[in-house]
Amino acid sequence: MLAAACNSDGNSAPAETAAAPAAAAELPGQALFVQNCAVCHGPDGKLGLNGAHDLTKSNLNATGRVYMVTQGLGKMPSFKDKLSPEQIQQVVDYSLTLK
């Protein structure tokens, strides 16, 4: 039985290959969101730390969210000097997936 556990019959390689795409399934903007936004909004958008709005209940469309991320408001900092316009759009697109 122990020998069977050590037996390399090639079945482990497809399992490892199958796991790799799952890790790569991260949505564009997700890593940027986690790095820059999750501290207040939480990874699911519901945390509400420092007065952050619940992104799952936000009425802002993509244009409004781009403005908010770019300019900031209240305690939320502006990200125009930290993220490129493309990165801001990726964060916004990801934030719209939080429901």
PDB file of N, CA and C in Angstrom:
ATOM      1  N   MET A   1       0.817  -1.181   0.000  1.00  0.00           N
ATOM      2  CA  MET A   1       0.000   0.000   0.000  1.00  0.00           C
ATOM      3  C   MET A   1       0.864   1.250   0.000  1.00  0.00           C
ATOM      4  N   LEU A   2       1.944   1.231   0.754  1.00  0.00           N
ATOM      5  CA  LEU A   2       2.851   2.350   0.775  1.00  0.00           C
ATOM      6  C   LEU A   2       3.524   2.516  -0.586  1.00  0.00           C
ATOM      7  N   ALA A   3       3.852   1.423  -1.248  1.00  0.00           N
ATOM      8  CA  ALA A   3       4.469   1.476  -2.565  1.00  0.00           C
ATOM      9  C   ALA A   3       3.533   2.123  -3.573  1.00  0.00           C
ATOM     10  N   ALA A   4       2.231   1.902  -3.429  1.00  0.00           N
ATOM     11  CA  ALA A   4       1.270   2.492  -4.354  1.00  0.00           C
ATOM     12  C   ALA A   4       1.246   4.003  -4.203  1.00  0.00           C
ATOM     13  N   ALA A   5       1.445   4.502  -2.992  1.00  0.00           N
ATOM     14  CA  ALA A   5       1.442   5.943  -2.764  1.00  0.00           C
ATOM     15  C   ALA A   5       2.656   6.603  -3.402  1.00  0.00           C
ATOM     16  N   CYS A   6       3.731   5.872  -3.477  1.00  0.00           N
ATOM     17  CA  CYS A   6       4.955   6.417  -4.066  1.00  0.00           C
ATOM     18  C   CYS A   6       5.025   6.178  -5.565  1.00  0.00           C
ATOM     19  N   ASN A   7       4.128   5.388  -6.093  1.00  0.00           N
ATOM     20  CA  ASN A   7       4.134   5.052  -7.505  1.00  0.00           C
ATOM     21  C   ASN A   7       3.821   6.293  -8.338  1.00  0.00           C
ATOM     22  N   SER A   8       4.656   6.584  -9.296  1.00  0.00           N
ATOM     23  CA  SER A   8       4.420   7.716 -10.187  1.00  0.00           C
ATOM     24  C   SER A   8       3.880   7.179 -11.496  1.00  0.00           C
ATOM     25  N   ASP A   9       2.557   7.181 -11.639  1.00  0.00           N
ATOM     26  CA  ASP A   9       1.977   6.632 -12.857  1.00  0.00           C
ATOM     27  C   ASP A   9       1.567   7.723 -13.842  1.00  0.00           C
ATOM     28  N   GLY A  10       1.937   8.966 -13.542  1.00  0.00           N
ATOM     29  CA  GLY A  10       1.635  10.050 -14.467  1.00  0.00           C
ATOM     30  C   GLY A  10       0.299  10.715 -14.206  1.00  0.00           C
ATOM     31  N   ASN A  11      -0.493  10.197 -13.286  1.00  0.00           N
ATOM     32  CA  ASN A  11      -1.788  10.802 -13.006  1.00  0.00           C
ATOM     33  C   ASN A  11      -1.678  12.106 -12.234  1.00  0.00           C
ATOM     34  N   SER A  12      -0.551  12.353 -11.577  1.00  0.00           N
ATOM     35  CA  SER A  12      -0.436  13.568 -10.791  1.00  0.00           C
ATOM     36  C   SER A  12      -0.186  14.786 -11.681  1.00  0.00           C
ATOM     37  N   ALA A  13       0.440  14.627 -12.821  1.00  0.00           N
ATOM     38  CA  ALA A  13       0.723  15.768 -13.689  1.00  0.00           C
ATOM     39  C   ALA A  13      -0.550  16.425 -14.217  1.00  0.00           C
ATOM     40  N   PRO A  14      -1.543  15.669 -14.721  1.00  0.00           N
ATOM     41  CA  PRO A  14      -2.767  16.336 -15.170  1.00  0.00           C
ATOM     42  C   PRO A  14      -3.496  17.046 -14.042  1.00  0.00           C
ATOM     43  N   ALA A  15      -3.456  16.505 -12.832  1.00  0.00           N
ATOM     44  CA  ALA A  15      -4.111  17.158 -11.703  1.00  0.00           C
ATOM     45  C   ALA A  15      -3.432  18.488 -11.406  1.00  0.00           C
ATOM     46  N   GLU A  16      -2.106  18.526 -11.451  1.00  0.00           N
ATOM     47  CA  GLU A  16      -1.386  19.768 -11.212  1.00  0.00           C
ATOM     48  C   GLU A  16      -1.671  20.765 -12.328  1.00  0.00           C
ATOM     49  N   THR A  17      -1.734  20.290 -13.557  1.00  0.00           N
ATOM     50  CA  THR A  17      -2.027  21.161 -14.687  1.00  0.00           C
ATOM     51  C   THR A  17      -3.439  21.726 -14.569  1.00  0.00           C
ATOM     52  N   ALA A  18      -4.368  20.917 -14.109  1.00  0.00           N
ATOM     53  CA  ALA A  18      -5.745  21.373 -13.962  1.00  0.00           C
ATOM     54  C   ALA A  18      -5.845  22.428 -12.873  1.00  0.00           C
ATOM     55  N   ALA A  19      -5.012  22.354 -11.849  1.00  0.00           N
ATOM     56  CA  ALA A  19      -5.060  23.325 -10.763  1.00  0.00           C
ATOM     57  C   ALA A  19      -4.479  24.668 -11.197  1.00  0.00           C
ATOM     58  N   ALA A  20      -3.543  24.675 -12.111  1.00  0.00           N
ATOM     59  CA  ALA A  20      -2.910  25.916 -12.540  1.00  0.00           C
ATOM     60  C   ALA A  20      -3.904  26.885 -13.184  1.00  0.00           C
ATOM     61  N   PRO A  21      -4.781  26.458 -14.089  1.00  0.00           N
ATOM     62  CA  PRO A  21      -5.730  27.410 -14.655  1.00  0.00           C
ATOM     63  C   PRO A  21      -6.682  27.987 -13.617  1.00  0.00           C
ATOM     64  N   ALA A  22      -7.005  27.247 -12.574  1.00  0.00           N
ATOM     65  CA  ALA A  22      -7.882  27.763 -11.533  1.00  0.00           C
ATOM     66  C   ALA A  22      -7.224  28.955 -10.841  1.00  0.00           C
ATOM     67  N   ALA A  23      -5.934  28.873 -10.598  1.00  0.00           N
ATOM     68  CA  ALA A  23      -5.221  29.978  -9.979  1.00  0.00           C
ATOM     69  C   ALA A  23      -5.132  31.159 -10.935  1.00  0.00           C
ATOM     70  N   ALA A  24      -5.050  30.891 -12.226  1.00  0.00           N
ATOM     71  CA  ALA A  24      -4.942  31.946 -13.220  1.00  0.00           C
ATOM     72  C   ALA A  24      -6.299  32.546 -13.569  1.00  0.00           C
ATOM     73  N   ALA A  25      -7.371  32.040 -12.963  1.00  0.00           N
ATOM     74  CA  ALA A  25      -8.712  32.519 -13.269  1.00  0.00           C
ATOM     75  C   ALA A  25      -9.033  33.844 -12.585  1.00  0.00           C
ATOM     76  N   GLU A  26      -8.058  34.433 -11.917  1.00  0.00           N
ATOM     77  CA  GLU A  26      -8.266  35.720 -11.266  1.00  0.00           C
ATOM     78  C   GLU A  26      -8.677  36.750 -12.316  1.00  0.00           C
ATOM     79  N   LEU A  27      -9.695  37.511 -11.998  1.00  0.00           N
ATOM     80  CA  LEU A  27     -10.205  38.513 -12.934  1.00  0.00           C
ATOM     81  C   LEU A  27      -9.255  39.692 -13.025  1.00  0.00           C
ATOM     82  N   PRO A  28      -9.175  40.309 -14.200  1.00  0.00           N
ATOM     83  CA  PRO A  28      -8.363  41.530 -14.311  1.00  0.00           C
ATOM     84  C   PRO A  28      -8.873  42.560 -13.301  1.00  0.00           C
ATOM     85  N   GLY A  29      -7.981  43.187 -12.610  1.00  0.00           N
ATOM     86  CA  GLY A  29      -8.355  44.183 -11.618  1.00  0.00           C
ATOM     87  C   GLY A  29      -8.516  43.621 -10.219  1.00  0.00           C
ATOM     88  N   GLN A  30      -8.663  42.308 -10.091  1.00  0.00           N
ATOM     89  CA  GLN A  30      -8.869  41.715  -8.769  1.00  0.00           C
ATOM     90  C   GLN A  30      -7.651  41.938  -7.870  1.00  0.00           C
ATOM     91  N   ALA A  31      -6.463  41.694  -8.376  1.00  0.00           N
ATOM     92  CA  ALA A  31      -5.259  41.888  -7.564  1.00  0.00           C
ATOM     93  C   ALA A  31      -5.098  43.356  -7.184  1.00  0.00           C
ATOM     94  N   LEU A  32      -5.386  44.261  -8.110  1.00  0.00           N
ATOM     95  CA  LEU A  32      -5.309  45.689  -7.809  1.00  0.00           C
ATOM     96  C   LEU A  32      -6.340  46.077  -6.754  1.00  0.00           C
ATOM     97  N   PHE A  33      -7.545  45.500  -6.856  1.00  0.00           N
ATOM     98  CA  PHE A  33      -8.591  45.766  -5.872  1.00  0.00           C
ATOM     99  C   PHE A  33      -8.147  45.292  -4.497  1.00  0.00           C
ATOM    100  N   VAL A  34      -7.630  44.076  -4.423  1.00  0.00           N
ATOM    101  CA  VAL A  34      -7.193  43.519  -3.141  1.00  0.00           C
ATOM    102  C   VAL A  34      -6.071  44.368  -2.559  1.00  0.00           C
ATOM    103  N   GLN A  35      -5.156  44.801  -3.393  1.00  0.00           N
ATOM    104  CA  GLN A  35      -4.002  45.570  -2.943  1.00  0.00           C
ATOM    105  C   GLN A  35      -4.386  46.982  -2.495  1.00  0.00           C
ATOM    106  N   ASN A  36      -5.331  47.627  -3.193  1.00  0.00           N
ATOM    107  CA  ASN A  36      -5.614  49.035  -2.952  1.00  0.00           C
ATOM    108  C   ASN A  36      -6.953  49.335  -2.280  1.00  0.00           C
ATOM    109  N   CYS A  37      -7.911  48.460  -2.421  1.00  0.00           N
ATOM    110  CA  CYS A  37      -9.274  48.779  -1.988  1.00  0.00           C
ATOM    111  C   CYS A  37      -9.785  47.900  -0.848  1.00  0.00           C
ATOM    112  N   ALA A  38      -9.319  46.667  -0.796  1.00  0.00           N
ATOM    113  CA  ALA A  38      -9.870  45.696   0.156  1.00  0.00           C
ATOM    114  C   ALA A  38      -9.604  46.081   1.605  1.00  0.00           C
ATOM    115  N   VAL A  39      -8.599  46.894   1.859  1.00  0.00           N
ATOM    116  CA  VAL A  39      -8.311  47.278   3.239  1.00  0.00           C
ATOM    117  C   VAL A  39      -9.525  47.981   3.857  1.00  0.00           C
ATOM    118  N   CYS A  40     -10.259  48.750   3.097  1.00  0.00           N
ATOM    119  CA  CYS A  40     -11.459  49.436   3.606  1.00  0.00           C
ATOM    120  C   CYS A  40     -12.757  48.783   3.131  1.00  0.00           C
ATOM    121  N   HIS A  41     -12.790  48.373   1.873  1.00  0.00           N
ATOM    122  CA  HIS A  41     -14.010  47.794   1.306  1.00  0.00           C
ATOM    123  C   HIS A  41     -14.132  46.298   1.580  1.00  0.00           C
ATOM    124  N   GLY A  42     -13.015  45.641   1.900  1.00  0.00           N
ATOM    125  CA  GLY A  42     -13.027  44.199   2.109  1.00  0.00           C
ATOM    126  C   GLY A  42     -12.940  43.468   0.788  1.00  0.00           C
ATOM    127  N   PRO A  43     -12.496  42.216   0.803  1.00  0.00           N
ATOM    128  CA  PRO A  43     -12.343  41.459  -0.443  1.00  0.00           C
ATOM    129  C   PRO A  43     -13.675  41.208  -1.151  1.00  0.00           C
ATOM    130  N   ASP A  44     -14.767  41.270  -0.397  1.00  0.00           N
ATOM    131  CA  ASP A  44     -16.090  41.069  -0.999  1.00  0.00           C
ATOM    132  C   ASP A  44     -16.840  42.379  -1.208  1.00  0.00           C
ATOM    133  N   GLY A  45     -16.216  43.518  -0.867  1.00  0.00           N
ATOM    134  CA  GLY A  45     -16.831  44.831  -1.051  1.00  0.00           C
ATOM    135  C   GLY A  45     -17.757  45.262   0.061  1.00  0.00           C
ATOM    136  N   LYS A  46     -17.880  44.460   1.130  1.00  0.00           N
ATOM    137  CA  LYS A  46     -18.867  44.720   2.183  1.00  0.00           C
ATOM    138  C   LYS A  46     -18.289  45.183   3.519  1.00  0.00           C
ATOM    139  N   LEU A  47     -16.990  45.323   3.654  1.00  0.00           N
ATOM    140  CA  LEU A  47     -16.365  45.563   4.950  1.00  0.00           C
ATOM    141  C   LEU A  47     -16.799  46.874   5.596  1.00  0.00           C
ATOM    142  N   GLY A  48     -16.753  47.972   4.863  1.00  0.00           N
ATOM    143  CA  GLY A  48     -17.209  49.256   5.386  1.00  0.00           C
ATOM    144  C   GLY A  48     -16.286  49.915   6.386  1.00  0.00           C
ATOM    145  N   LEU A  49     -15.012  49.599   6.367  1.00  0.00           N
ATOM    146  CA  LEU A  49     -14.051  50.207   7.278  1.00  0.00           C
ATOM    147  C   LEU A  49     -13.801  51.662   6.873  1.00  0.00           C
ATOM    148  N   ASN A  50     -13.623  52.531   7.851  1.00  0.00           N
ATOM    149  CA  ASN A  50     -13.357  53.958   7.602  1.00  0.00           C
ATOM    150  C   ASN A  50     -14.464  54.628   6.789  1.00  0.00           C
ATOM    151  N   GLY A  51     -15.676  54.153   6.927  1.00  0.00           N
ATOM    152  CA  GLY A  51     -16.804  54.759   6.211  1.00  0.00           C
ATOM    153  C   GLY A  51     -16.927  54.322   4.761  1.00  0.00           C
ATOM    154  N   ALA A  52     -16.179  53.303   4.369  1.00  0.00           N
ATOM    155  CA  ALA A  52     -16.247  52.820   2.979  1.00  0.00           C
ATOM    156  C   ALA A  52     -17.642  52.274   2.690  1.00  0.00           C
ATOM    157  N   HIS A  53     -18.156  52.594   1.528  1.00  0.00           N
ATOM    158  CA  HIS A  53     -19.474  52.126   1.133  1.00  0.00           C
ATOM    159  C   HIS A  53     -19.452  50.645   0.769  1.00  0.00           C
ATOM    160  N   ASP A  54     -20.569  49.989   0.964  1.00  0.00           N
ATOM    161  CA  ASP A  54     -20.756  48.597   0.574  1.00  0.00           C
ATOM    162  C   ASP A  54     -20.882  48.572  -0.944  1.00  0.00           C
ATOM    163  N   LEU A  55     -19.879  48.062  -1.617  1.00  0.00           N
ATOM    164  CA  LEU A  55     -19.864  48.077  -3.081  1.00  0.00           C
ATOM    165  C   LEU A  55     -20.910  47.151  -3.688  1.00  0.00           C
ATOM    166  N   THR A  56     -21.389  46.196  -2.899  1.00  0.00           N
ATOM    167  CA  THR A  56     -22.418  45.296  -3.430  1.00  0.00           C
ATOM    168  C   THR A  56     -23.778  45.983  -3.504  1.00  0.00           C
ATOM    169  N   LYS A  57     -23.912  47.113  -2.816  1.00  0.00           N
ATOM    170  CA  LYS A  57     -25.179  47.852  -2.806  1.00  0.00           C
ATOM    171  C   LYS A  57     -25.062  49.220  -3.483  1.00  0.00           C
ATOM    172  N   SER A  58     -23.909  49.503  -4.056  1.00  0.00           N
ATOM    173  CA  SER A  58     -23.675  50.801  -4.680  1.00  0.00           C
ATOM    174  C   SER A  58     -24.542  50.988  -5.919  1.00  0.00           C
ATOM    175  N   ASN A  59     -25.067  52.196  -6.064  1.00  0.00           N
ATOM    176  CA  ASN A  59     -25.849  52.547  -7.248  1.00  0.00           C
ATOM    177  C   ASN A  59     -24.979  53.180  -8.336  1.00  0.00           C
ATOM    178  N   LEU A  60     -23.695  53.359  -8.060  1.00  0.00           N
ATOM    179  CA  LEU A  60     -22.813  53.986  -9.045  1.00  0.00           C
ATOM    180  C   LEU A  60     -22.564  53.052 -10.223  1.00  0.00           C
ATOM    181  N   ASN A  61     -22.688  53.605 -11.418  1.00  0.00           N
ATOM    182  CA  ASN A  61     -22.348  52.842 -12.620  1.00  0.00           C
ATOM    183  C   ASN A  61     -20.838  52.933 -12.831  1.00  0.00           C
ATOM    184  N   ALA A  62     -20.357  52.370 -13.919  1.00  0.00           N
ATOM    185  CA  ALA A  62     -18.913  52.332 -14.187  1.00  0.00           C
ATOM    186  C   ALA A  62     -18.320  53.735 -14.275  1.00  0.00           C
ATOM    187  N   THR A  63     -19.017  54.658 -14.910  1.00  0.00           N
ATOM    188  CA  THR A  63     -18.500  56.028 -15.050  1.00  0.00           C
ATOM    189  C   THR A  63     -18.351  56.688 -13.683  1.00  0.00           C
ATOM    190  N   GLY A  64     -19.344  56.514 -12.832  1.00  0.00           N
ATOM    191  CA  GLY A  64     -19.278  57.078 -11.488  1.00  0.00           C
ATOM    192  C   GLY A  64     -18.162  56.466 -10.662  1.00  0.00           C
ATOM    193  N   ARG A  65     -17.985  55.173 -10.829  1.00  0.00           N
ATOM    194  CA  ARG A  65     -16.925  54.500 -10.075  1.00  0.00           C
ATOM    195  C   ARG A  65     -15.549  54.914 -10.564  1.00  0.00           C
ATOM    196  N   VAL A  66     -15.393  55.090 -11.869  1.00  0.00           N
ATOM    197  CA  VAL A  66     -14.108  55.569 -12.401  1.00  0.00           C
ATOM    198  C   VAL A  66     -13.794  56.928 -11.794  1.00  0.00           C
ATOM    199  N   TYR A  67     -14.783  57.797 -11.736  1.00  0.00           N
ATOM    200  CA  TYR A  67     -14.588  59.128 -11.148  1.00  0.00           C
ATOM    201  C   TYR A  67     -14.169  59.004  -9.678  1.00  0.00           C
ATOM    202  N   MET A  68     -14.882  58.168  -8.917  1.00  0.00           N
ATOM    203  CA  MET A  68     -14.584  58.015  -7.490  1.00  0.00           C
ATOM    204  C   MET A  68     -13.174  57.473  -7.260  1.00  0.00           C
ATOM    205  N   VAL A  69     -12.793  56.469  -8.026  1.00  0.00           N
ATOM    206  CA  VAL A  69     -11.464  55.883  -7.853  1.00  0.00           C
ATOM    207  C   VAL A  69     -10.392  56.889  -8.284  1.00  0.00           C
ATOM    208  N   THR A  70     -10.656  57.607  -9.341  1.00  0.00           N
ATOM    209  CA  THR A  70      -9.680  58.570  -9.852  1.00  0.00           C
ATOM    210  C   THR A  70      -9.529  59.772  -8.918  1.00  0.00           C
ATOM    211  N   GLN A  71     -10.643  60.363  -8.503  1.00  0.00           N
ATOM    212  CA  GLN A  71     -10.618  61.604  -7.733  1.00  0.00           C
ATOM    213  C   GLN A  71     -10.639  61.409  -6.221  1.00  0.00           C
ATOM    214  N   GLY A  72     -11.239  60.295  -5.764  1.00  0.00           N
ATOM    215  CA  GLY A  72     -11.407  60.096  -4.333  1.00  0.00           C
ATOM    216  C   GLY A  72     -12.550  60.975  -3.823  1.00  0.00           C
ATOM    217  N   LEU A  73     -12.940  60.764  -2.584  1.00  0.00           N
ATOM    218  CA  LEU A  73     -13.991  61.573  -1.971  1.00  0.00           C
ATOM    219  C   LEU A  73     -13.992  61.293  -0.476  1.00  0.00           C
ATOM    220  N   GLY A  74     -14.028  62.345   0.323  1.00  0.00           N
ATOM    221  CA  GLY A  74     -14.015  62.165   1.773  1.00  0.00           C
ATOM    222  C   GLY A  74     -12.749  61.460   2.224  1.00  0.00           C
ATOM    223  N   LYS A  75     -12.916  60.349   2.929  1.00  0.00           N
ATOM    224  CA  LYS A  75     -11.752  59.591   3.420  1.00  0.00           C
ATOM    225  C   LYS A  75     -11.113  58.732   2.338  1.00  0.00           C
ATOM    226  N   MET A  76     -11.834  58.519   1.234  1.00  0.00           N
ATOM    227  CA  MET A  76     -11.277  57.692   0.156  1.00  0.00           C
ATOM    228  C   MET A  76     -10.245  58.501  -0.623  1.00  0.00           C
ATOM    229  N   PRO A  77      -9.025  57.986  -0.701  1.00  0.00           N
ATOM    230  CA  PRO A  77      -7.984  58.724  -1.426  1.00  0.00           C
ATOM    231  C   PRO A  77      -8.168  58.645  -2.944  1.00  0.00           C
ATOM    232  N   SER A  78      -7.557  59.587  -3.617  1.00  0.00           N
ATOM    233  CA  SER A  78      -7.502  59.570  -5.075  1.00  0.00           C
ATOM    234  C   SER A  78      -6.425  58.578  -5.504  1.00  0.00           C
ATOM    235  N   PHE A  79      -6.717  57.836  -6.559  1.00  0.00           N
ATOM    236  CA  PHE A  79      -5.733  56.883  -7.072  1.00  0.00           C
ATOM    237  C   PHE A  79      -5.160  57.314  -8.418  1.00  0.00           C
ATOM    238  N   LYS A  80      -5.430  58.558  -8.833  1.00  0.00           N
ATOM    239  CA  LYS A  80      -4.964  59.008 -10.150  1.00  0.00           C
ATOM    240  C   LYS A  80      -3.445  59.055 -10.252  1.00  0.00           C
ATOM    241  N   ASP A  81      -2.755  59.242  -9.144  1.00  0.00           N
ATOM    242  CA  ASP A  81      -1.293  59.269  -9.174  1.00  0.00           C
ATOM    243  C   ASP A  81      -0.673  57.913  -8.862  1.00  0.00           C
ATOM    244  N   LYS A  82      -1.511  56.939  -8.481  1.00  0.00           N
ATOM    245  CA  LYS A  82      -1.005  55.619  -8.121  1.00  0.00           C
ATOM    246  C   LYS A  82      -1.309  54.565  -9.183  1.00  0.00           C
ATOM    247  N   LEU A  83      -2.454  54.699  -9.854  1.00  0.00           N
ATOM    248  CA  LEU A  83      -2.875  53.732 -10.864  1.00  0.00           C
ATOM    249  C   LEU A  83      -3.044  54.417 -12.213  1.00  0.00           C
ATOM    250  N   SER A  84      -2.744  53.689 -13.269  1.00  0.00           N
ATOM    251  CA  SER A  84      -2.952  54.214 -14.620  1.00  0.00           C
ATOM    252  C   SER A  84      -4.455  54.194 -14.918  1.00  0.00           C
ATOM    253  N   PRO A  85      -4.904  54.965 -15.912  1.00  0.00           N
ATOM    254  CA  PRO A  85      -6.323  54.909 -16.292  1.00  0.00           C
ATOM    255  C   PRO A  85      -6.783  53.490 -16.633  1.00  0.00           C
ATOM    256  N   GLU A  86      -5.922  52.712 -17.260  1.00  0.00           N
ATOM    257  CA  GLU A  86      -6.274  51.320 -17.577  1.00  0.00           C
ATOM    258  C   GLU A  86      -6.443  50.499 -16.299  1.00  0.00           C
ATOM    259  N   GLN A  87      -5.562  50.690 -15.326  1.00  0.00           N
ATOM    260  CA  GLN A  87      -5.671  49.966 -14.064  1.00  0.00           C
ATOM    261  C   GLN A  87      -6.922  50.384 -13.295  1.00  0.00           C
ATOM    262  N   ILE A  88      -7.239  51.666 -13.324  1.00  0.00           N
ATOM    263  CA  ILE A  88      -8.462  52.151 -12.667  1.00  0.00           C
ATOM    264  C   ILE A  88      -9.673  51.488 -13.296  1.00  0.00           C
ATOM    265  N   GLN A  89      -9.697  51.393 -14.617  1.00  0.00           N
ATOM    266  CA  GLN A  89     -10.819  50.749 -15.300  1.00  0.00           C
ATOM    267  C   GLN A  89     -10.909  49.278 -14.912  1.00  0.00           C
ATOM    268  N   GLN A  90      -9.781  48.617 -14.764  1.00  0.00           N
ATOM    269  CA  GLN A  90      -9.779  47.208 -14.356  1.00  0.00           C
ATOM    270  C   GLN A  90     -10.346  47.050 -12.946  1.00  0.00           C
ATOM    271  N   VAL A  91      -9.966  47.954 -12.041  1.00  0.00           N
ATOM    272  CA  VAL A  91     -10.490  47.919 -10.671  1.00  0.00           C
ATOM    273  C   VAL A  91     -12.000  48.140 -10.685  1.00  0.00           C
ATOM    274  N   VAL A  92     -12.439  49.105 -11.467  1.00  0.00           N
ATOM    275  CA  VAL A  92     -13.871  49.408 -11.566  1.00  0.00           C
ATOM    276  C   VAL A  92     -14.619  48.204 -12.134  1.00  0.00           C
ATOM    277  N   ASP A  93     -14.106  47.640 -13.204  1.00  0.00           N
ATOM    278  CA  ASP A  93     -14.748  46.472 -13.810  1.00  0.00           C
ATOM    279  C   ASP A  93     -14.862  45.336 -12.801  1.00  0.00           C
ATOM    280  N   TYR A  94     -13.802  45.121 -12.032  1.00  0.00           N
ATOM    281  CA  TYR A  94     -13.846  44.083 -11.004  1.00  0.00           C
ATOM    282  C   TYR A  94     -14.869  44.438  -9.923  1.00  0.00           C
ATOM    283  N   SER A  95     -14.890  45.700  -9.502  1.00  0.00           N
ATOM    284  CA  SER A  95     -15.822  46.096  -8.436  1.00  0.00           C
ATOM    285  C   SER A  95     -17.275  45.872  -8.852  1.00  0.00           C
ATOM    286  N   LEU A  96     -17.557  45.952 -10.146  1.00  0.00           N
ATOM    287  CA  LEU A  96     -18.916  45.730 -10.627  1.00  0.00           C
ATOM    288  C   LEU A  96     -19.316  44.257 -10.565  1.00  0.00           C
ATOM    289  N   THR A  97     -18.359  43.370 -10.378  1.00  0.00           N
ATOM    290  CA  THR A  97     -18.672  41.941 -10.253  1.00  0.00           C
ATOM    291  C   THR A  97     -19.060  41.568  -8.823  1.00  0.00           C
ATOM    292  N   LEU A  98     -18.815  42.466  -7.883  1.00  0.00           N
ATOM    293  CA  LEU A  98     -19.115  42.182  -6.475  1.00  0.00           C
ATOM    294  C   LEU A  98     -20.601  42.384  -6.232  1.00  0.00           C
ATOM    295  N   LYS A  99     -21.285  41.317  -5.958  1.00  0.00           N
ATOM    296  CA  LYS A  99     -22.746  41.378  -5.738  1.00  0.00           C
ATOM    297  C   LYS A  99     -23.121  40.612  -4.517  1.00  0.00           C
TER     298      LYS A  99
END
